[in-house]
N, C-alpha and C. Protein backbone atom coordinates (compact mmCIF):
# COMPACT_ATOMS: atom_id res chain seq x y z
N MET A 1 -75.54 -0.63 84.55
CA MET A 1 -74.71 -0.30 85.29
C MET A 1 -73.43 -0.17 84.39
N GLU A 2 -73.39 1.23 85.14
CA GLU A 2 -72.49 2.39 84.51
C GLU A 2 -70.58 2.38 85.15
N LEU A 3 -69.92 2.45 84.41
CA LEU A 3 -68.04 1.84 84.85
C LEU A 3 -67.53 3.37 84.51
N LYS A 4 -67.22 3.23 85.20
CA LYS A 4 -65.91 5.13 84.65
C LYS A 4 -64.16 5.27 84.93
N GLY A 5 -64.00 5.91 84.69
CA GLY A 5 -62.34 5.90 84.44
C GLY A 5 -62.29 4.46 83.88
N ILE A 6 -61.37 4.15 84.05
CA ILE A 6 -60.13 3.09 83.21
C ILE A 6 -61.22 1.94 83.24
N LEU A 7 -62.22 1.66 84.45
CA LEU A 7 -63.15 0.81 83.77
C LEU A 7 -64.36 0.88 82.85
N SER A 8 -64.72 2.25 82.55
CA SER A 8 -65.36 2.28 80.90
C SER A 8 -64.35 2.54 80.40
N SER A 9 -63.13 2.09 79.86
CA SER A 9 -62.30 1.84 78.88
C SER A 9 -61.92 0.31 78.77
N ILE A 10 -61.77 -0.70 79.63
CA ILE A 10 -61.69 -2.18 79.50
C ILE A 10 -63.08 -2.22 79.10
N GLN A 11 -64.71 -1.44 79.43
CA GLN A 11 -65.41 -2.00 79.00
C GLN A 11 -66.01 -1.68 77.41
N ASN A 12 -65.39 -0.78 76.72
CA ASN A 12 -65.40 0.16 75.80
C ASN A 12 -64.57 -1.17 74.49
N SER A 13 -63.60 -1.45 75.25
CA SER A 13 -62.68 -2.48 74.56
C SER A 13 -62.83 -4.28 74.85
N VAL A 14 -64.27 -4.81 75.30
CA VAL A 14 -64.37 -5.88 75.90
C VAL A 14 -65.86 -5.53 74.63
N ARG A 15 -66.74 -4.45 74.17
CA ARG A 15 -67.47 -4.45 74.10
C ARG A 15 -67.26 -4.41 72.58
N GLY A 16 -66.05 -3.86 72.13
CA GLY A 16 -65.67 -3.86 70.59
C GLY A 16 -64.85 -5.16 69.93
N MET A 17 -64.80 -5.90 71.21
CA MET A 17 -63.81 -7.06 70.58
C MET A 17 -64.98 -8.05 70.21
N LYS A 18 -66.29 -7.46 71.39
CA LYS A 18 -67.19 -8.64 70.97
C LYS A 18 -68.03 -8.46 69.70
N SER A 19 -68.52 -7.52 70.05
CA SER A 19 -68.45 -7.14 68.01
C SER A 19 -67.83 -7.34 67.13
N GLN A 20 -66.72 -7.37 67.19
CA GLN A 20 -65.83 -7.61 65.83
C GLN A 20 -66.04 -9.16 65.96
N THR A 21 -66.29 -9.54 66.27
CA THR A 21 -65.97 -11.56 66.56
C THR A 21 -67.40 -11.87 65.91
N GLN A 22 -68.16 -10.99 66.33
CA GLN A 22 -69.50 -11.82 65.68
C GLN A 22 -69.50 -11.02 63.91
N ARG A 23 -68.30 -9.70 63.98
CA ARG A 23 -68.69 -9.39 62.00
C ARG A 23 -67.49 -10.17 61.47
N LEU A 24 -65.85 -11.04 61.95
CA LEU A 24 -65.45 -11.97 61.97
C LEU A 24 -66.27 -13.26 61.99
N GLU A 25 -67.33 -13.44 62.87
CA GLU A 25 -67.41 -14.62 61.92
C GLU A 25 -68.81 -14.89 60.64
N LEU A 26 -69.39 -14.15 60.54
CA LEU A 26 -70.52 -13.20 59.62
C LEU A 26 -69.07 -12.46 58.04
N VAL A 27 -68.85 -13.17 58.07
CA VAL A 27 -67.28 -12.59 56.97
C VAL A 27 -66.88 -13.68 56.03
N SER A 28 -66.40 -14.49 57.92
CA SER A 28 -65.76 -15.43 57.05
C SER A 28 -66.95 -16.91 56.98
N ASN A 29 -68.11 -16.57 57.27
CA ASN A 29 -69.73 -17.86 57.05
C ASN A 29 -69.91 -16.85 55.53
N ASN A 30 -69.64 -16.00 54.75
CA ASN A 30 -69.40 -14.77 53.78
C ASN A 30 -68.31 -16.13 52.86
N ILE A 31 -67.23 -15.47 53.36
CA ILE A 31 -66.24 -16.09 52.37
C ILE A 31 -66.26 -17.73 52.05
N ALA A 32 -66.68 -18.46 52.80
CA ALA A 32 -66.65 -19.79 52.98
C ALA A 32 -68.20 -20.18 52.37
N ASN A 33 -69.88 -19.64 51.63
CA ASN A 33 -70.80 -19.48 51.12
C ASN A 33 -70.25 -18.96 50.15
N ALA A 34 -69.47 -18.11 49.79
CA ALA A 34 -69.42 -17.52 48.25
C ALA A 34 -69.79 -18.12 47.43
N ASP A 35 -69.34 -19.00 46.07
CA ASP A 35 -69.14 -20.72 45.77
C ASP A 35 -70.86 -21.40 45.71
N GLN A 36 -71.00 -21.47 46.81
CA GLN A 36 -72.40 -22.11 46.81
C GLN A 36 -73.81 -22.26 46.18
N VAL A 37 -73.88 -22.92 45.41
CA VAL A 37 -75.50 -23.02 44.85
C VAL A 37 -76.31 -23.38 45.42
N ALA A 38 -77.24 -23.04 44.88
CA ALA A 38 -78.94 -22.66 45.42
C ALA A 38 -79.66 -24.51 44.04
N LYS A 39 -79.57 -25.62 44.84
CA LYS A 39 -80.46 -26.71 44.57
C LYS A 39 -82.55 -25.89 43.74
N PRO A 40 -82.67 -26.19 42.75
CA PRO A 40 -83.64 -26.20 42.29
C PRO A 40 -85.15 -25.45 43.49
N GLY A 41 -85.13 -24.91 43.63
CA GLY A 41 -86.71 -24.75 44.01
C GLY A 41 -86.26 -24.25 45.70
N GLU A 42 -84.56 -23.65 46.01
CA GLU A 42 -84.35 -23.88 47.20
C GLU A 42 -84.28 -22.35 47.25
N LYS A 43 -83.54 -22.15 48.23
CA LYS A 43 -83.34 -20.22 48.80
C LYS A 43 -80.98 -20.45 48.95
N VAL A 44 -80.78 -19.79 47.80
CA VAL A 44 -79.59 -19.22 47.78
C VAL A 44 -79.10 -18.59 49.45
N TYR A 45 -77.76 -18.67 49.00
CA TYR A 45 -77.21 -18.32 50.22
C TYR A 45 -77.31 -16.71 50.53
N GLN A 46 -77.59 -16.24 51.68
CA GLN A 46 -77.98 -14.17 51.47
C GLN A 46 -76.58 -13.65 52.28
N LYS A 47 -75.69 -12.82 51.76
CA LYS A 47 -74.56 -12.25 52.24
C LYS A 47 -75.28 -12.05 53.79
N LYS A 48 -74.76 -11.79 55.20
CA LYS A 48 -74.79 -10.93 56.34
C LYS A 48 -74.73 -9.90 56.49
N ARG A 49 -74.54 -8.38 57.46
CA ARG A 49 -73.71 -8.36 58.20
C ARG A 49 -74.13 -8.01 58.95
N LEU A 50 -73.51 -7.07 59.58
CA LEU A 50 -74.00 -7.38 60.98
C LEU A 50 -73.93 -5.21 61.07
N VAL A 51 -74.89 -5.00 61.60
CA VAL A 51 -75.60 -3.30 61.65
C VAL A 51 -76.21 -2.99 62.96
N SER A 52 -75.72 -2.24 63.44
CA SER A 52 -76.00 -1.38 64.51
C SER A 52 -78.13 -1.03 64.56
N LYS A 53 -78.31 -1.34 65.71
CA LYS A 53 -80.07 -0.80 65.72
C LYS A 53 -79.41 0.24 66.71
N SER A 54 -79.18 0.40 67.63
CA SER A 54 -79.10 1.90 67.88
C SER A 54 -78.66 3.10 66.90
N PHE A 55 -78.15 3.24 65.64
CA PHE A 55 -77.39 3.92 64.43
C PHE A 55 -78.01 5.43 64.57
N GLN A 56 -77.16 6.51 64.80
CA GLN A 56 -77.84 7.79 65.06
C GLN A 56 -77.07 7.95 64.51
N PRO A 57 -77.44 9.47 63.49
CA PRO A 57 -75.83 10.65 62.26
C PRO A 57 -75.82 10.83 63.93
N PHE A 58 -73.95 11.54 63.32
CA PHE A 58 -73.30 12.35 63.58
C PHE A 58 -74.05 13.27 64.15
N GLN A 59 -74.74 14.20 63.21
CA GLN A 59 -75.21 15.51 63.72
C GLN A 59 -76.34 15.34 64.42
N SER A 60 -77.06 14.40 64.73
CA SER A 60 -78.14 14.41 65.86
C SER A 60 -77.14 13.70 67.12
N LYS A 61 -76.49 13.00 66.96
CA LYS A 61 -76.00 13.00 68.22
C LYS A 61 -75.42 13.96 69.19
N MET A 62 -75.19 14.72 68.17
CA MET A 62 -74.74 16.55 68.38
C MET A 62 -75.14 16.86 68.89
N ARG A 63 -76.61 16.88 68.32
CA ARG A 63 -77.58 18.15 69.09
C ARG A 63 -77.62 17.78 70.82
N ASP A 64 -77.79 15.60 70.80
CA ASP A 64 -79.01 15.87 71.70
C ASP A 64 -77.70 15.94 72.79
N SER A 65 -76.73 15.93 72.76
CA SER A 65 -75.62 16.42 73.86
C SER A 65 -75.50 17.31 73.92
N ILE A 66 -76.04 19.17 72.93
CA ILE A 66 -75.37 20.01 73.92
C ILE A 66 -76.52 20.36 74.93
N LEU A 67 -75.53 21.35 76.09
CA LEU A 67 -76.44 21.05 77.00
C LEU A 67 -77.02 22.30 77.69
N SER A 68 -78.65 22.41 77.85
CA SER A 68 -79.51 23.53 78.56
C SER A 68 -78.46 24.08 78.74
N VAL A 69 -78.54 25.95 78.96
CA VAL A 69 -77.99 26.32 80.91
C VAL A 69 -79.39 27.65 79.96
N LYS A 70 -79.74 27.53 82.07
CA LYS A 70 -81.08 27.93 82.66
C LYS A 70 -80.48 29.73 82.60
N LYS A 71 -81.07 30.77 82.72
CA LYS A 71 -80.79 31.45 83.09
C LYS A 71 -82.21 32.14 84.71
N SER A 72 -81.38 32.65 85.21
CA SER A 72 -82.20 32.46 86.05
C SER A 72 -82.89 34.65 86.43
N HIS A 73 -81.94 35.08 84.86
CA HIS A 73 -81.87 36.21 85.28
C HIS A 73 -81.13 36.94 83.82
N HIS A 74 -81.20 37.75 83.47
CA HIS A 74 -81.53 38.24 82.16
C HIS A 74 -79.55 38.87 82.55
N LYS A 75 -78.97 39.04 83.26
CA LYS A 75 -78.00 38.89 83.67
C LYS A 75 -76.34 38.08 83.56
N HIS A 76 -77.75 37.18 84.54
CA HIS A 76 -76.84 35.72 85.91
C HIS A 76 -77.38 34.89 84.68
N ILE A 77 -75.81 34.30 84.73
CA ILE A 77 -75.84 32.29 84.10
C ILE A 77 -76.06 31.43 85.45
N GLU A 78 -77.29 30.30 85.83
CA GLU A 78 -77.14 28.88 86.24
C GLU A 78 -76.38 28.10 85.72
N LYS A 79 -75.78 27.68 87.08
CA LYS A 79 -75.35 26.54 86.57
C LYS A 79 -75.91 25.26 85.79
N SER A 80 -74.64 25.44 84.60
CA SER A 80 -75.36 23.51 83.58
C SER A 80 -75.68 22.25 84.35
N GLN A 81 -76.93 21.97 84.35
CA GLN A 81 -77.47 20.70 85.13
C GLN A 81 -77.09 19.53 84.36
N HIS A 82 -75.35 19.29 84.04
CA HIS A 82 -75.10 18.00 83.31
C HIS A 82 -75.76 17.00 83.43
N SER A 83 -75.92 16.53 82.64
CA SER A 83 -76.35 14.52 82.97
C SER A 83 -75.74 14.06 82.58
N GLU A 84 -75.09 13.03 83.14
CA GLU A 84 -74.47 12.12 82.43
C GLU A 84 -74.76 11.18 81.54
N ASN A 85 -73.92 10.59 80.44
CA ASN A 85 -74.24 9.66 79.54
C ASN A 85 -74.37 7.99 79.98
N LYS A 86 -75.17 7.80 80.16
CA LYS A 86 -75.08 6.35 80.73
C LYS A 86 -74.55 5.59 79.39
N SER A 87 -74.07 5.13 80.06
CA SER A 87 -73.05 4.32 78.72
C SER A 87 -74.52 3.16 77.86
N GLN A 88 -74.39 3.10 76.71
CA GLN A 88 -75.83 2.14 76.41
C GLN A 88 -74.76 1.40 75.79
N VAL A 89 -75.10 0.55 75.60
CA VAL A 89 -75.16 -1.08 75.33
C VAL A 89 -76.01 -1.45 73.56
N GLN A 90 -74.96 -1.33 73.09
CA GLN A 90 -75.09 -1.54 71.61
C GLN A 90 -75.96 -2.33 70.97
N ASN A 91 -76.62 -2.67 70.01
CA ASN A 91 -77.35 -3.63 70.38
C ASN A 91 -77.07 -4.12 68.46
N TYR A 92 -77.28 -5.65 68.26
CA TYR A 92 -76.43 -4.99 66.70
C TYR A 92 -77.76 -6.51 66.54
N GLU A 93 -77.61 -6.63 64.58
CA GLU A 93 -78.34 -7.18 63.97
C GLU A 93 -78.01 -7.65 62.80
N ILE A 94 -78.46 -8.72 62.27
CA ILE A 94 -77.95 -9.06 61.54
C ILE A 94 -78.61 -9.24 60.00
N ILE A 95 -78.39 -8.34 59.10
CA ILE A 95 -78.43 -8.41 58.04
C ILE A 95 -78.59 -9.04 56.74
N GLU A 96 -79.10 -9.14 56.05
CA GLU A 96 -79.35 -10.65 54.84
C GLU A 96 -78.79 -10.14 53.20
N GLU A 97 -78.30 -9.72 52.73
CA GLU A 97 -78.94 -9.42 51.22
C GLU A 97 -79.11 -10.33 50.78
N GLU A 98 -80.17 -9.29 49.91
CA GLU A 98 -80.55 -10.30 49.04
C GLU A 98 -80.61 -9.69 47.26
N LYS A 99 -78.78 -10.31 47.41
CA LYS A 99 -78.17 -10.35 45.98
C LYS A 99 -77.99 -11.68 45.51
N ILE A 100 -77.79 -11.48 44.28
CA ILE A 100 -78.66 -13.44 43.77
C ILE A 100 -77.62 -13.04 42.14
N GLN A 101 -76.29 -13.90 41.70
CA GLN A 101 -75.94 -13.56 40.77
C GLN A 101 -76.62 -15.04 39.92
N MET A 102 -76.56 -14.99 38.31
CA MET A 102 -77.11 -15.55 37.40
C MET A 102 -75.74 -15.83 36.93
N VAL A 103 -75.78 -17.31 36.67
CA VAL A 103 -74.09 -17.80 36.05
C VAL A 103 -75.12 -18.52 34.92
N TYR A 104 -74.75 -18.70 33.43
CA TYR A 104 -75.55 -19.45 32.37
C TYR A 104 -74.33 -20.02 33.01
N ASP A 105 -75.15 -21.65 33.38
CA ASP A 105 -73.64 -22.98 32.81
C ASP A 105 -74.91 -24.00 32.61
N PRO A 106 -74.97 -24.26 31.46
CA PRO A 106 -76.62 -25.29 31.94
C PRO A 106 -75.01 -26.74 31.70
N ALA A 107 -74.15 -27.80 31.81
CA ALA A 107 -73.80 -28.71 31.93
C ALA A 107 -73.75 -28.87 33.51
N HIS A 108 -74.37 -27.61 34.66
CA HIS A 108 -74.48 -27.69 36.13
C HIS A 108 -75.38 -28.65 36.03
N PRO A 109 -75.03 -29.84 37.15
CA PRO A 109 -76.85 -30.69 37.46
C PRO A 109 -77.97 -29.44 38.69
N TYR A 110 -77.39 -28.62 38.85
CA TYR A 110 -78.40 -27.48 39.09
C TYR A 110 -79.21 -26.54 38.32
N ALA A 111 -78.44 -26.37 36.99
CA ALA A 111 -79.23 -25.41 36.53
C ALA A 111 -81.00 -25.34 35.81
N ASP A 112 -81.42 -24.33 35.34
CA ASP A 112 -82.50 -24.26 35.70
C ASP A 112 -82.40 -24.75 34.18
N GLU A 113 -84.02 -24.83 33.45
CA GLU A 113 -84.05 -24.99 32.38
C GLU A 113 -83.41 -24.03 30.99
N ASN A 114 -83.22 -22.17 31.61
CA ASN A 114 -82.40 -22.26 30.26
C ASN A 114 -80.67 -21.63 31.07
N GLY A 115 -80.30 -22.69 31.45
CA GLY A 115 -79.02 -22.87 31.70
C GLY A 115 -78.52 -22.34 32.95
N TYR A 116 -79.54 -22.06 33.25
CA TYR A 116 -79.20 -20.27 34.33
C TYR A 116 -78.20 -21.27 35.90
N ILE A 117 -77.68 -20.71 37.01
CA ILE A 117 -77.80 -21.46 38.08
C ILE A 117 -78.04 -20.43 38.88
N ILE A 118 -77.89 -20.71 40.38
CA ILE A 118 -77.94 -18.80 41.13
C ILE A 118 -77.25 -19.43 42.27
N LYS A 119 -76.50 -18.49 42.61
CA LYS A 119 -75.30 -17.66 43.46
C LYS A 119 -75.05 -16.89 44.28
N PRO A 120 -74.65 -17.05 45.61
CA PRO A 120 -75.01 -15.62 46.52
C PRO A 120 -73.81 -14.76 46.01
N ASP A 121 -74.47 -13.14 45.06
CA ASP A 121 -73.65 -12.18 44.94
C ASP A 121 -72.24 -11.23 45.90
N ILE A 122 -71.48 -12.12 46.39
CA ILE A 122 -70.22 -12.73 47.16
C ILE A 122 -69.01 -11.79 46.53
N ASN A 123 -68.13 -11.05 47.08
CA ASN A 123 -67.12 -10.50 45.86
C ASN A 123 -66.40 -10.77 46.65
N VAL A 124 -65.68 -11.54 47.33
CA VAL A 124 -64.23 -12.74 47.66
C VAL A 124 -63.55 -11.81 48.38
N VAL A 125 -63.00 -10.72 46.93
CA VAL A 125 -62.06 -9.98 47.38
C VAL A 125 -62.13 -8.71 48.84
N GLU A 126 -64.13 -8.49 48.66
CA GLU A 126 -63.52 -7.41 49.66
C GLU A 126 -63.49 -8.54 50.93
N GLU A 127 -64.73 -9.48 50.84
CA GLU A 127 -64.63 -10.13 51.78
C GLU A 127 -63.69 -10.19 53.22
N MET A 128 -62.52 -10.39 52.10
CA MET A 128 -61.15 -10.56 52.89
C MET A 128 -60.48 -9.13 52.90
N VAL A 129 -60.64 -8.09 52.45
CA VAL A 129 -60.67 -7.26 52.50
C VAL A 129 -60.95 -7.28 53.83
N ASP A 130 -62.79 -7.52 54.22
CA ASP A 130 -63.20 -6.84 55.47
C ASP A 130 -62.53 -7.17 56.92
N LEU A 131 -61.87 -8.89 56.88
CA LEU A 131 -61.86 -9.90 57.35
C LEU A 131 -60.20 -9.08 57.72
N MET A 132 -59.39 -9.10 57.13
CA MET A 132 -57.85 -7.93 57.49
C MET A 132 -58.93 -6.88 58.46
N SER A 133 -59.19 -5.34 57.30
CA SER A 133 -59.49 -4.34 59.17
C SER A 133 -60.21 -4.97 60.11
N LEU A 134 -61.31 -6.00 59.95
CA LEU A 134 -61.93 -6.98 61.27
C LEU A 134 -60.37 -7.03 62.26
N SER A 135 -60.23 -7.69 61.96
CA SER A 135 -59.21 -7.83 62.65
C SER A 135 -58.01 -7.08 62.75
N ARG A 136 -57.40 -6.72 61.95
CA ARG A 136 -56.48 -5.25 62.63
C ARG A 136 -57.25 -4.95 63.75
N THR A 137 -58.60 -4.48 63.52
CA THR A 137 -59.57 -3.66 64.77
C THR A 137 -59.44 -4.46 65.89
N TYR A 138 -60.37 -5.89 65.63
CA TYR A 138 -59.72 -6.75 66.98
C TYR A 138 -58.20 -6.37 67.98
N GLU A 139 -57.68 -6.06 66.96
CA GLU A 139 -56.33 -6.55 67.94
C GLU A 139 -55.81 -5.21 68.66
N ALA A 140 -56.65 -4.04 68.11
CA ALA A 140 -56.62 -2.74 68.53
C ALA A 140 -56.58 -2.85 70.38
N ASN A 141 -58.25 -3.90 69.52
CA ASN A 141 -59.55 -3.25 70.76
C ASN A 141 -58.02 -4.51 72.00
N VAL A 142 -57.81 -5.74 71.41
CA VAL A 142 -56.92 -6.26 72.80
C VAL A 142 -55.64 -5.12 73.60
N GLN A 143 -54.83 -4.46 71.61
CA GLN A 143 -54.07 -3.59 72.67
C GLN A 143 -54.41 -2.58 73.44
N THR A 144 -55.25 -1.91 73.35
CA THR A 144 -56.13 -0.93 74.57
C THR A 144 -56.78 -1.58 75.56
N PHE A 145 -57.43 -2.94 75.43
CA PHE A 145 -57.17 -3.17 77.18
C PHE A 145 -56.64 -3.82 77.30
N LYS A 146 -54.89 -4.46 77.06
CA LYS A 146 -53.78 -3.90 77.53
C LYS A 146 -53.37 -3.49 78.30
N SER A 147 -53.30 -2.23 77.70
CA SER A 147 -53.04 -0.86 77.65
C SER A 147 -53.11 -0.06 78.95
N THR A 148 -54.59 -0.53 78.96
CA THR A 148 -55.68 0.59 79.97
C THR A 148 -55.82 -0.87 81.55
N LYS A 149 -55.03 -1.90 81.07
CA LYS A 149 -54.79 -3.02 82.53
C LYS A 149 -53.54 -2.86 83.29
N ASN A 150 -52.69 -2.42 82.05
CA ASN A 150 -51.44 -1.63 82.85
C ASN A 150 -51.09 -1.02 83.66
N LEU A 151 -51.78 0.00 83.13
CA LEU A 151 -51.10 1.39 84.06
C LEU A 151 -53.41 1.44 84.94
N ALA A 152 -54.16 1.12 84.64
CA ALA A 152 -54.81 0.50 86.64
C ALA A 152 -53.52 -0.39 87.91
N LYS A 153 -52.81 -1.20 86.86
CA LYS A 153 -52.25 -2.11 88.00
C LYS A 153 -50.96 -0.84 88.31
N LYS A 154 -50.79 -0.38 87.74
CA LYS A 154 -49.23 1.62 88.19
C LYS A 154 -50.33 1.95 89.50
N ALA A 155 -51.47 1.91 88.83
CA ALA A 155 -51.75 3.06 89.41
C ALA A 155 -52.05 3.01 90.90
N LEU A 156 -52.48 1.65 91.47
CA LEU A 156 -53.03 0.92 92.30
C LEU A 156 -50.76 0.20 92.95
N GLU A 157 -49.86 0.49 91.93
CA GLU A 157 -48.63 0.25 92.52
C GLU A 157 -48.59 2.33 94.17
N ILE A 158 -49.21 3.21 93.31
CA ILE A 158 -48.89 4.51 93.69
C ILE A 158 -49.41 4.04 94.88
């Protein structure tokens, strides 16, 4: 379903809030599992990220959006037949990074025969920075939603 005008702004804000919520959950899981140690023979927690399936580089997006102009005569230019871009629902997928960290700790009960334990390679400081950035982006989407809602209310009063 395609929405136009003020409603499309609300739809974009809602989409943004949904994707930011998913990203916030993944980052918080990454932080919670940053110090997890894998038991011998088990797989260690993998850092997870949310990535858009329909990612398209900016240059190719621009190339696709250029309108074609048809000529009926070499001195005339026909009106372009502009087809509106339909709103695309972004599909996201969860990517697991396969980075691990080998830490020398022979006293740990899960250490291997060489004295190493396997931990996920997650930098908690980077994850906290991502968490703050994502929460601010979510707040910006909420504010955009509220502003659009107030604008629609004012328009209905006229």
